[in-house]
Every structure is written in C-alpha cells, then in structure tokens.
Amino acid sequence: MYMNRSAILVMLLAAAALAGCGSSSKSSAPPTPILEVVPGPWAGTYNLNGGSQIAVAGAVSAGGFGYFADSQGNIFMLQSVPNTAPFTSILIGTPAPGTNFPIVSGVVPFIVKGTYASSGTSTSMQATLTSYALVGSPPTTTATGLNGNFTLNTNTPYSSTPSLAGLQGQWDGYYLGKTPAAVALNFAGNGSFTGNDANGCTLAGTLVQQDPQTNLFYVNWTASGSGCPGVMNGLGFLSSASISGNFGGAAGTYLELGIFGLNAAHTVEVKLQ
C-alpha cells in the first residue's frame, strides 16, 4: 500500500492536534508514570465498528514506537508507545495491498486513548480507537465513523532463544495482503540480509537485536529498483507459528516484520528453510 509522503505528515500533525484539543480544560489528576512498558512481542484482538474480534500481533520497542498486524496484512503503527496511564497517542492504520478498511479507504489516522493494567511493569494495554480523515483544501479534519477498540498483552511466540546467529540461512515468505507477494531473504550470521521480492525489488538490510536473547529486532530495510519504496525501518520478532495462515499451519521458525517508509508499509512473514 503506497502512501503520499505529505499526506502522512499532515495526518500525523492533524491527529496530534485533535488529541490535544480533546483534553478537558478542567483540572484533573496527572497521568500515572509507567516504569516499563515491556518491549518485545505483543498479541491480542481488536474490532472496528462493533464487528467481530480480529487477532492481531506485533511488537513494541523500549521508549520508541510499536507495530501490529492482523492475518490479512493490515498494519498499524503506534507513533510512540506511551509511558503514562491513562494515555493518548496516534496510530496510523495502513490497509493491506488490495484492500481497504470499512467505511474509509487508504491510510487512516486514529486517536488512541487507553490505559495499562498496572502502574509498574505493564504487560497489558486496552484502548479505544477513533479515526479521522482530511477533507478539503486546505485540509480540515472530520470524523469518519470508523471506531473500535483493542486489548493487547505481552506474548511469547517463540520457543527457542532468539539470536542474530540463529537467523542465518534462507527465508521464504510473503508481504501479507489480499494477494500475498513473494519475498525471499538470505541472512548472514551477523543479521545482514539480501534478497528480492515479487515486485521486482532488490532487497538488502540488517536486523539489530535490542538486547542479547531478547525477541525484538530493529529492522533496516532497503528495496531498490524502479518503483520500489527505498529505505524503510521497523520492528520484528521470531515466532514458532505463522500469524497469517499462508503456510498451512506448518511448524517451523518464522520471522514477522513490520516495516514503514515514507511511501509504503508492509507486513513481512518469512519462514526459515
């Protein structure tokens, strides 16, 4: 799903302004600091407009951003993981290639308001989602009618000890979406990789492990070639099972990546061969 750079920036600014305008002028107790929002894989469910609960999985980084993807390849980027409760943040929803969210089309900014289950080390979060669109010129914000909520908890999807050396080898899989596009990656033992995809792009980059033995990797990804999105960044984690169902339930080692650039966002799922 390709996105216009200026549209993304305007959406972020507009959503931030809306979040600020939504605060009450009345005095209230200050938010409670959260000592640590546990970094690494998280999983749970979300729904939109009262629909059925949809499974979602992703990761949050220490003091940074988070990403979550469902089995259809819809991907959500949490601009910054809040460290207070209750919290307000910005979520950018990008539909999987070839699809749209209900009611609206294209990239959707959400205002996220929620809380954590504890005020110390937090392993659970709950929040509501309220989406807005930009209309007119100059653009103004308007409610889309697309709303929802989510519940997420820390997750342990991988049964072995994660390491950069363990990534070494050939990985094959897909960009998730209505029609999954093939991706092939070859990893060296230091976390660097090369590869290609069905869009005709040449891929290269590195994964950097947040801390030794932790199941969280920072992703540096470059897709080169005509019409390819260029430099992208994101988060990844290992899983002992596929989140998409594209592999027929086969046991193995899977790498789940959420990557974002100025012009594209992808959910990548590849399996070690």
C-alpha atoms as a PDB file:
ATOM      1  CA  MET A   1       0.000   0.000   0.000  1.00  0.00           C
ATOM      2  CA  TYR A   2       1.803   3.112  -1.216  1.00  0.00           C
ATOM      3  CA  MET A   3       1.281   6.395   0.610  1.00  0.00           C
ATOM      4  CA  ASN A   4       1.902  10.007  -0.250  1.00  0.00           C
ATOM      5  CA  ARG A   5       4.657  11.487   1.927  1.00  0.00           C
ATOM      6  CA  SER A   6       2.977  14.840   2.542  1.00  0.00           C
ATOM      7  CA  ALA A   7      -0.343  13.152   3.339  1.00  0.00           C
ATOM      8  CA  ILE A   8       1.276  11.053   6.066  1.00  0.00           C
ATOM      9  CA  LEU A   9       2.929  14.093   7.645  1.00  0.00           C
ATOM     10  CA  VAL A  10      -0.295  16.131   7.549  1.00  0.00           C
ATOM     11  CA  MET A  11      -2.251  13.231   9.046  1.00  0.00           C
ATOM     12  CA  LEU A  12       0.195  12.920  11.913  1.00  0.00           C
ATOM     13  CA  LEU A  13       0.074  16.650  12.644  1.00  0.00           C
ATOM     14  CA  ALA A  14      -3.708  16.766  12.387  1.00  0.00           C
ATOM     15  CA  ALA A  15      -4.140  13.753  14.629  1.00  0.00           C
ATOM     16  CA  ALA A  16      -1.764  15.256  17.178  1.00  0.00           C
ATOM     17  CA  ALA A  17      -3.761  18.497  17.162  1.00  0.00           C
ATOM     18  CA  LEU A  18      -7.009  16.607  17.643  1.00  0.00           C
ATOM     19  CA  ALA A  19      -5.548  14.650  20.520  1.00  0.00           C
ATOM     20  CA  GLY A  20      -4.578  17.907  22.189  1.00  0.00           C
ATOM     21  CA  CYS A  21      -7.937  19.562  21.518  1.00  0.00           C
ATOM     22  CA  GLY A  22      -9.744  16.638  23.069  1.00  0.00           C
ATOM     23  CA  SER A  23      -8.333  17.343  26.513  1.00  0.00           C
ATOM     24  CA  SER A  24     -10.566  18.924  29.128  1.00  0.00           C
ATOM     25  CA  SER A  25      -9.924  22.410  30.454  1.00  0.00           C
ATOM     26  CA  LYS A  26     -10.932  21.212  33.928  1.00  0.00           C
ATOM     27  CA  SER A  27      -8.152  20.276  36.322  1.00  0.00           C
ATOM     28  CA  SER A  28      -7.568  16.553  36.682  1.00  0.00           C
ATOM     29  CA  ALA A  29      -5.100  14.194  38.298  1.00  0.00           C
ATOM     30  CA  PRO A  30      -1.832  13.881  36.352  1.00  0.00           C
ATOM     31  CA  PRO A  31      -1.228  10.644  34.441  1.00  0.00           C
ATOM     32  CA  THR A  32       0.485   7.868  36.393  1.00  0.00           C
ATOM     33  CA  PRO A  33       4.018   7.115  35.167  1.00  0.00           C
ATOM     34  CA  ILE A  34       4.587   3.569  33.929  1.00  0.00           C
ATOM     35  CA  LEU A  35       8.005   2.280  34.965  1.00  0.00           C
ATOM     36  CA  GLU A  36       8.318  -0.022  31.957  1.00  0.00           C
ATOM     37  CA  VAL A  37       6.106  -0.976  29.038  1.00  0.00           C
ATOM     38  CA  VAL A  38       7.657  -4.382  28.357  1.00  0.00           C
ATOM     39  CA  PRO A  39       9.404  -4.331  24.960  1.00  0.00           C
ATOM     40  CA  GLY A  40       9.075  -7.277  22.600  1.00  0.00           C
ATOM     41  CA  PRO A  41       6.174  -9.204  21.044  1.00  0.00           C
ATOM     42  CA  TRP A  42       2.575  -8.374  21.997  1.00  0.00           C
ATOM     43  CA  ALA A  43      -0.663 -10.001  20.822  1.00  0.00           C
ATOM     44  CA  GLY A  44      -4.403  -9.674  21.319  1.00  0.00           C
ATOM     45  CA  THR A  45      -7.549  -8.685  19.473  1.00  0.00           C
ATOM     46  CA  TYR A  46      -9.205  -5.591  18.018  1.00  0.00           C
ATOM     47  CA  ASN A  47     -12.514  -4.753  16.396  1.00  0.00           C
ATOM     48  CA  LEU A  48     -13.891  -1.966  14.244  1.00  0.00           C
ATOM     49  CA  ASN A  49     -17.444  -0.597  14.486  1.00  0.00           C
ATOM     50  CA  GLY A  50     -18.643  -3.390  16.740  1.00  0.00           C
ATOM     51  CA  GLY A  51     -17.561  -6.128  14.353  1.00  0.00           C
ATOM     52  CA  SER A  52     -16.028  -9.450  15.288  1.00  0.00           C
ATOM     53  CA  GLN A  53     -12.787  -9.611  17.220  1.00  0.00           C
ATOM     54  CA  ILE A  54      -9.749  -9.898  14.924  1.00  0.00           C
ATOM     55  CA  ALA A  55      -6.475 -11.434  16.089  1.00  0.00           C
ATOM     56  CA  VAL A  56      -3.521  -9.046  15.944  1.00  0.00           C
ATOM     57  CA  ALA A  57       0.185  -9.487  16.739  1.00  0.00           C
ATOM     58  CA  GLY A  58       3.170  -7.183  16.772  1.00  0.00           C
ATOM     59  CA  ALA A  59       5.895  -5.652  18.893  1.00  0.00           C
ATOM     60  CA  VAL A  60       6.750  -2.568  20.897  1.00  0.00           C
ATOM     61  CA  SER A  61      10.215  -1.108  21.385  1.00  0.00           C
ATOM     62  CA  ALA A  62      11.716   0.314  24.546  1.00  0.00           C
ATOM     63  CA  GLY A  63      10.944   4.035  24.574  1.00  0.00           C
ATOM     64  CA  GLY A  64      10.003   4.021  20.900  1.00  0.00           C
ATOM     65  CA  PHE A  65       7.216   3.001  18.554  1.00  0.00           C
ATOM     66  CA  GLY A  66       5.138  -0.124  18.069  1.00  0.00           C
ATOM     67  CA  TYR A  67       3.613  -2.023  15.197  1.00  0.00           C
ATOM     68  CA  PHE A  68       0.760  -4.522  14.979  1.00  0.00           C
ATOM     69  CA  ALA A  69      -0.552  -6.592  12.067  1.00  0.00           C
ATOM     70  CA  ASP A  70      -3.539  -8.848  11.573  1.00  0.00           C
ATOM     71  CA  SER A  71      -3.647 -12.012   9.474  1.00  0.00           C
ATOM     72  CA  GLN A  72      -4.896 -10.088   6.401  1.00  0.00           C
ATOM     73  CA  GLY A  73      -1.824  -7.856   6.425  1.00  0.00           C
ATOM     74  CA  ASN A  74      -3.482  -4.682   7.726  1.00  0.00           C
ATOM     75  CA  ILE A  75      -0.729  -2.924   9.629  1.00  0.00           C
ATOM     76  CA  PHE A  76      -0.864  -0.348  12.411  1.00  0.00           C
ATOM     77  CA  MET A  77       1.996   1.868  13.552  1.00  0.00           C
ATOM     78  CA  LEU A  78       1.809   3.343  17.046  1.00  0.00           C
ATOM     79  CA  GLN A  79       3.753   6.574  16.736  1.00  0.00           C
ATOM     80  CA  SER A  80       5.145   6.333  20.261  1.00  0.00           C
ATOM     81  CA  VAL A  81       4.447   3.815  22.998  1.00  0.00           C
ATOM     82  CA  PRO A  82       3.025   5.882  25.906  1.00  0.00           C
ATOM     83  CA  ASN A  83       4.700   5.602  29.317  1.00  0.00           C
ATOM     84  CA  THR A  84       1.849   7.066  31.368  1.00  0.00           C
ATOM     85  CA  ALA A  85      -1.672   5.924  32.179  1.00  0.00           C
ATOM     86  CA  PRO A  86      -4.212   6.873  31.064  1.00  0.00           C
ATOM     87  CA  PHE A  87      -2.650   7.688  27.692  1.00  0.00           C
ATOM     88  CA  THR A  88      -3.402   9.332  24.365  1.00  0.00           C
ATOM     89  CA  SER A  89      -1.353   8.504  21.280  1.00  0.00           C
ATOM     90  CA  ILE A  90      -1.540   8.363  17.494  1.00  0.00           C
ATOM     91  CA  LEU A  91      -1.977   5.191  15.458  1.00  0.00           C
ATOM     92  CA  ILE A  92      -1.600   5.082  11.676  1.00  0.00           C
ATOM     93  CA  GLY A  93      -3.560   2.247  10.054  1.00  0.00           C
ATOM     94  CA  THR A  94      -2.476   1.058   6.610  1.00  0.00           C
ATOM     95  CA  PRO A  95      -4.735  -1.459   4.839  1.00  0.00           C
ATOM     96  CA  ALA A  96      -3.139  -4.467   3.204  1.00  0.00           C
ATOM     97  CA  PRO A  97      -2.421  -4.079  -0.527  1.00  0.00           C
ATOM     98  CA  GLY A  98      -5.648  -4.576  -2.484  1.00  0.00           C
ATOM     99  CA  THR A  99      -7.935  -3.894   0.490  1.00  0.00           C
ATOM    100  CA  ASN A 100      -9.496  -1.057   2.479  1.00  0.00           C
ATOM    101  CA  PHE A 101     -10.796  -0.621   5.997  1.00  0.00           C
ATOM    102  CA  PRO A 102     -14.593  -0.475   6.474  1.00  0.00           C
ATOM    103  CA  ILE A 103     -16.210   2.895   5.596  1.00  0.00           C
ATOM    104  CA  VAL A 104     -12.984   4.654   4.586  1.00  0.00           C
ATOM    105  CA  SER A 105     -10.194   3.980   2.117  1.00  0.00           C
ATOM    106  CA  GLY A 106      -6.449   4.477   2.199  1.00  0.00           C
ATOM    107  CA  VAL A 107      -4.248   5.284   5.166  1.00  0.00           C
ATOM    108  CA  VAL A 108      -6.252   6.116   8.314  1.00  0.00           C
ATOM    109  CA  PRO A 109      -5.068   8.084  11.379  1.00  0.00           C
ATOM    110  CA  PHE A 110      -6.553   7.031  14.721  1.00  0.00           C
ATOM    111  CA  ILE A 111      -6.587   8.773  18.072  1.00  0.00           C
ATOM    112  CA  VAL A 112      -5.810   6.086  20.659  1.00  0.00           C
ATOM    113  CA  LYS A 113      -6.990   6.564  24.244  1.00  0.00           C
ATOM    114  CA  GLY A 114      -6.438   3.863  26.813  1.00  0.00           C
ATOM    115  CA  THR A 115      -4.799   2.537  29.920  1.00  0.00           C
ATOM    116  CA  TYR A 116      -2.463  -0.161  31.194  1.00  0.00           C
ATOM    117  CA  ALA A 117      -3.375  -2.966  33.561  1.00  0.00           C
ATOM    118  CA  SER A 118      -0.731  -1.933  36.086  1.00  0.00           C
ATOM    119  CA  SER A 119       1.258   1.157  37.042  1.00  0.00           C
ATOM    120  CA  GLY A 120       4.606  -0.616  37.430  1.00  0.00           C
ATOM    121  CA  THR A 121       5.798  -3.010  34.779  1.00  0.00           C
ATOM    122  CA  SER A 122       2.990  -3.117  32.253  1.00  0.00           C
ATOM    123  CA  THR A 123       2.192  -6.304  30.327  1.00  0.00           C
ATOM    124  CA  SER A 124      -1.347  -5.409  29.189  1.00  0.00           C
ATOM    125  CA  MET A 125      -2.983  -2.413  27.495  1.00  0.00           C
ATOM    126  CA  GLN A 126      -6.538  -1.560  26.492  1.00  0.00           C
ATOM    127  CA  ALA A 127      -7.614   1.350  24.306  1.00  0.00           C
ATOM    128  CA  THR A 128     -10.314   2.852  22.111  1.00  0.00           C
ATOM    129  CA  LEU A 129      -9.734   3.934  18.501  1.00  0.00           C
ATOM    130  CA  THR A 130     -11.325   6.989  16.882  1.00  0.00           C
ATOM    131  CA  SER A 131     -10.411   7.706  13.262  1.00  0.00           C
ATOM    132  CA  TYR A 132     -10.343  10.967  11.334  1.00  0.00           C
ATOM    133  CA  ALA A 133      -9.914  11.967   7.706  1.00  0.00           C
ATOM    134  CA  LEU A 134      -8.579  15.065   5.987  1.00  0.00           C
ATOM    135  CA  VAL A 135     -11.135  16.840   3.797  1.00  0.00           C
ATOM    136  CA  GLY A 136     -10.922  19.879   1.518  1.00  0.00           C
ATOM    137  CA  SER A 137      -8.178  22.343   0.663  1.00  0.00           C
ATOM    138  CA  PRO A 138      -6.682  23.479   2.909  1.00  0.00           C
ATOM    139  CA  PRO A 139      -7.428  20.165   4.642  1.00  0.00           C
ATOM    140  CA  THR A 140      -9.556  20.030   7.759  1.00  0.00           C
ATOM    141  CA  THR A 141     -10.215  17.027   9.955  1.00  0.00           C
ATOM    142  CA  THR A 142     -13.539  15.246  10.121  1.00  0.00           C
ATOM    143  CA  ALA A 143     -14.764  12.122  11.887  1.00  0.00           C
ATOM    144  CA  THR A 144     -15.004   9.103   9.579  1.00  0.00           C
ATOM    145  CA  GLY A 145     -17.318   6.972  11.690  1.00  0.00           C
ATOM    146  CA  LEU A 146     -14.671   4.246  11.852  1.00  0.00           C
ATOM    147  CA  ASN A 147     -14.121   3.440  15.519  1.00  0.00           C
ATOM    148  CA  GLY A 148     -13.053   0.466  17.587  1.00  0.00           C
ATOM    149  CA  ASN A 149     -11.006  -0.836  20.462  1.00  0.00           C
ATOM    150  CA  PHE A 150      -8.199  -3.255  21.214  1.00  0.00           C
ATOM    151  CA  THR A 151      -6.771  -5.328  24.045  1.00  0.00           C
ATOM    152  CA  LEU A 152      -3.107  -6.395  23.909  1.00  0.00           C
ATOM    153  CA  ASN A 153      -0.869  -8.451  26.177  1.00  0.00           C
ATOM    154  CA  THR A 154       2.789  -9.388  26.134  1.00  0.00           C
ATOM    155  CA  ASN A 155       3.379 -12.538  24.141  1.00  0.00           C
ATOM    156  CA  THR A 156       5.938 -15.363  23.947  1.00  0.00           C
ATOM    157  CA  PRO A 157       5.528 -16.719  20.397  1.00  0.00           C
ATOM    158  CA  TYR A 158       8.974 -18.288  20.051  1.00  0.00           C
ATOM    159  CA  SER A 159      10.041 -21.424  21.919  1.00  0.00           C
ATOM    160  CA  SER A 160      13.828 -21.128  21.445  1.00  0.00           C
ATOM    161  CA  THR A 161      16.400 -18.478  22.344  1.00  0.00           C
ATOM    162  CA  PRO A 162      16.494 -15.649  19.742  1.00  0.00           C
ATOM    163  CA  SER A 163      19.880 -14.618  18.330  1.00  0.00           C
ATOM    164  CA  LEU A 164      21.335 -12.980  15.244  1.00  0.00           C
ATOM    165  CA  ALA A 165      23.329 -16.144  14.516  1.00  0.00           C
ATOM    166  CA  GLY A 166      20.073 -18.113  14.510  1.00  0.00           C
ATOM    167  CA  LEU A 167      18.807 -16.024  11.594  1.00  0.00           C
ATOM    168  CA  GLN A 168      21.476 -17.359   9.248  1.00  0.00           C
ATOM    169  CA  GLY A 169      20.041 -19.129   6.212  1.00  0.00           C
ATOM    170  CA  GLN A 170      17.378 -18.830   3.539  1.00  0.00           C
ATOM    171  CA  TRP A 171      13.937 -17.462   4.445  1.00  0.00           C
ATOM    172  CA  ASP A 172      10.968 -17.512   2.055  1.00  0.00           C
ATOM    173  CA  GLY A 173       7.543 -15.992   2.505  1.00  0.00           C
ATOM    174  CA  TYR A 174       5.291 -13.059   1.666  1.00  0.00           C
ATOM    175  CA  TYR A 175       4.232  -9.481   2.028  1.00  0.00           C
ATOM    176  CA  LEU A 176       0.804 -10.109   3.542  1.00  0.00           C
ATOM    177  CA  GLY A 177      -2.264  -8.789   1.746  1.00  0.00           C
ATOM    178  CA  LYS A 178      -5.293  -9.772  -0.319  1.00  0.00           C
ATOM    179  CA  THR A 179      -2.891 -11.312  -2.836  1.00  0.00           C
ATOM    180  CA  PRO A 180       0.341 -12.096  -0.958  1.00  0.00           C
ATOM    181  CA  ALA A 181       3.522 -11.139  -2.843  1.00  0.00           C
ATOM    182  CA  ALA A 182       6.518 -13.440  -2.511  1.00  0.00           C
ATOM    183  CA  VAL A 183       9.627 -12.367  -0.572  1.00  0.00           C
ATOM    184  CA  ALA A 184      12.957 -14.236  -0.359  1.00  0.00           C
ATOM    185  CA  LEU A 185      15.714 -13.265   2.100  1.00  0.00           C
ATOM    186  CA  ASN A 186      19.167 -14.737   2.734  1.00  0.00           C
ATOM    187  CA  PHE A 187      20.637 -13.894   6.162  1.00  0.00           C
ATOM    188  CA  ALA A 188      24.252 -13.903   7.255  1.00  0.00           C
ATOM    189  CA  GLY A 189      25.138 -14.704  10.856  1.00  0.00           C
ATOM    190  CA  ASN A 190      25.528 -11.022  11.776  1.00  0.00           C
ATOM    191  CA  GLY A 191      21.923 -10.098  10.935  1.00  0.00           C
ATOM    192  CA  SER A 192      22.578  -8.641   7.476  1.00  0.00           C
ATOM    193  CA  PHE A 193      20.461  -9.875   4.571  1.00  0.00           C
ATOM    194  CA  THR A 194      19.976  -9.665   0.826  1.00  0.00           C
ATOM    195  CA  GLY A 195      17.029 -10.793  -1.261  1.00  0.00           C
ATOM    196  CA  ASN A 196      14.300  -9.971  -3.731  1.00  0.00           C
ATOM    197  CA  ASP A 197      10.531  -9.764  -3.980  1.00  0.00           C
ATOM    198  CA  ALA A 198       7.756 -10.392  -6.488  1.00  0.00           C
ATOM    199  CA  ASN A 199       7.505  -6.634  -7.136  1.00  0.00           C
ATOM    200  CA  GLY A 200      10.885  -6.729  -8.861  1.00  0.00           C
ATOM    201  CA  CYS A 201      12.742  -5.039  -5.985  1.00  0.00           C
ATOM    202  CA  THR A 202      16.232  -5.924  -4.817  1.00  0.00           C
ATOM    203  CA  LEU A 203      16.309  -6.114  -1.021  1.00  0.00           C
ATOM    204  CA  ALA A 204      19.127  -5.522   1.454  1.00  0.00           C
ATOM    205  CA  GLY A 205      19.432  -4.532   5.088  1.00  0.00           C
ATOM    206  CA  THR A 206      20.155  -5.579   8.637  1.00  0.00           C
ATOM    207  CA  LEU A 207      18.386  -6.715  11.779  1.00  0.00           C
ATOM    208  CA  VAL A 208      19.753  -5.471  15.109  1.00  0.00           C
ATOM    209  CA  GLN A 209      18.740  -7.317  18.269  1.00  0.00           C
ATOM    210  CA  GLN A 210      17.566  -4.979  21.023  1.00  0.00           C
ATOM    211  CA  ASP A 211      19.410  -6.955  23.713  1.00  0.00           C
ATOM    212  CA  PRO A 212      21.044 -10.403  23.696  1.00  0.00           C
ATOM    213  CA  GLN A 213      18.479 -13.223  23.813  1.00  0.00           C
ATOM    214  CA  THR A 214      15.507 -10.843  23.549  1.00  0.00           C
ATOM    215  CA  ASN A 215      12.876 -11.470  20.894  1.00  0.00           C
ATOM    216  CA  LEU A 216      12.868  -7.964  19.431  1.00  0.00           C
ATOM    217  CA  PHE A 217      14.803  -6.799  16.379  1.00  0.00           C
ATOM    218  CA  TYR A 218      15.136  -3.346  14.840  1.00  0.00           C
ATOM    219  CA  VAL A 219      14.833  -3.562  11.055  1.00  0.00           C
ATOM    220  CA  ASN A 220      16.759  -1.535   8.461  1.00  0.00           C
ATOM    221  CA  TRP A 221      15.366  -2.409   5.009  1.00  0.00           C
ATOM    222  CA  THR A 222      16.102  -1.026   1.538  1.00  0.00           C
ATOM    223  CA  ALA A 223      14.060  -2.016  -1.530  1.00  0.00           C
ATOM    224  CA  SER A 224      15.878  -0.853  -4.671  1.00  0.00           C
ATOM    225  CA  GLY A 225      14.649  -0.733  -8.250  1.00  0.00           C
ATOM    226  CA  SER A 226      12.122   1.013 -10.457  1.00  0.00           C
ATOM    227  CA  GLY A 227       9.013   1.921  -8.461  1.00  0.00           C
ATOM    228  CA  CYS A 228      10.412   0.391  -5.252  1.00  0.00           C
ATOM    229  CA  PRO A 229       9.925   2.211  -1.915  1.00  0.00           C
ATOM    230  CA  GLY A 230      13.598   2.650  -0.973  1.00  0.00           C
ATOM    231  CA  VAL A 231      14.608   2.946   2.675  1.00  0.00           C
ATOM    232  CA  MET A 232      12.244   1.505   5.291  1.00  0.00           C
ATOM    233  CA  ASN A 233      12.508   0.793   9.022  1.00  0.00           C
ATOM    234  CA  GLY A 234      10.552  -1.188  11.555  1.00  0.00           C
ATOM    235  CA  LEU A 235      10.426  -3.930  14.169  1.00  0.00           C
ATOM    236  CA  GLY A 236      10.488  -7.704  14.011  1.00  0.00           C
ATOM    237  CA  PHE A 237      10.243 -10.824  16.143  1.00  0.00           C
ATOM    238  CA  LEU A 238      10.537 -14.595  15.790  1.00  0.00           C
ATOM    239  CA  SER A 239       7.604 -16.961  16.066  1.00  0.00           C
ATOM    240  CA  SER A 240       7.195 -20.729  16.163  1.00  0.00           C
ATOM    241  CA  ALA A 241       3.931 -20.456  14.190  1.00  0.00           C
ATOM    242  CA  SER A 242       2.646 -18.391  11.281  1.00  0.00           C
ATOM    243  CA  ILE A 243       0.346 -15.462  12.088  1.00  0.00           C
ATOM    244  CA  SER A 244      -1.135 -15.427   8.571  1.00  0.00           C
ATOM    245  CA  GLY A 245      -2.154 -18.977   7.752  1.00  0.00           C
ATOM    246  CA  ASN A 246      -0.279 -18.791   4.450  1.00  0.00           C
ATOM    247  CA  PHE A 247       1.936 -21.730   5.345  1.00  0.00           C
ATOM    248  CA  GLY A 248      -0.791 -24.278   6.028  1.00  0.00           C
ATOM    249  CA  GLY A 249      -0.043 -24.488   9.736  1.00  0.00           C
ATOM    250  CA  ALA A 250       3.435 -25.888   9.121  1.00  0.00           C
ATOM    251  CA  ALA A 251       5.706 -25.981  12.157  1.00  0.00           C
ATOM    252  CA  GLY A 252       8.948 -24.064  11.876  1.00  0.00           C
ATOM    253  CA  THR A 253      10.696 -20.796  12.599  1.00  0.00           C
ATOM    254  CA  TYR A 254       9.011 -17.653  11.275  1.00  0.00           C
ATOM    255  CA  LEU A 255      10.216 -14.068  11.156  1.00  0.00           C
ATOM    256  CA  GLU A 256       7.489 -11.436  11.448  1.00  0.00           C
ATOM    257  CA  LEU A 257       8.391  -7.893  10.352  1.00  0.00           C
ATOM    258  CA  GLY A 258       6.501  -4.605  10.300  1.00  0.00           C
ATOM    259  CA  ILE A 259       8.318  -2.104   8.061  1.00  0.00           C
ATOM    260  CA  PHE A 260       7.461   1.504   7.218  1.00  0.00           C
ATOM    261  CA  GLY A 261       8.776   4.091   4.800  1.00  0.00           C
ATOM    262  CA  LEU A 262       7.625   7.464   3.516  1.00  0.00           C
ATOM    263  CA  ASN A 263       5.801   5.772   0.642  1.00  0.00           C
ATOM    264  CA  ALA A 264       4.967   2.256   1.811  1.00  0.00           C
ATOM    265  CA  ALA A 265       4.192  -0.023   4.731  1.00  0.00           C
ATOM    266  CA  HIS A 266       4.386  -3.814   4.713  1.00  0.00           C
ATOM    267  CA  THR A 267       3.832  -6.813   6.933  1.00  0.00           C
ATOM    268  CA  VAL A 268       6.504  -9.366   6.040  1.00  0.00           C
ATOM    269  CA  GLU A 269       6.271 -13.017   7.088  1.00  0.00           C
ATOM    270  CA  VAL A 270       9.065 -15.414   6.075  1.00  0.00           C
ATOM    271  CA  LYS A 271       9.898 -18.985   7.135  1.00  0.00           C
ATOM    272  CA  LEU A 272      13.380 -20.445   7.653  1.00  0.00           C
ATOM    273  CA  GLN A 273      14.018 -23.134   5.032  1.00  0.00           C
END
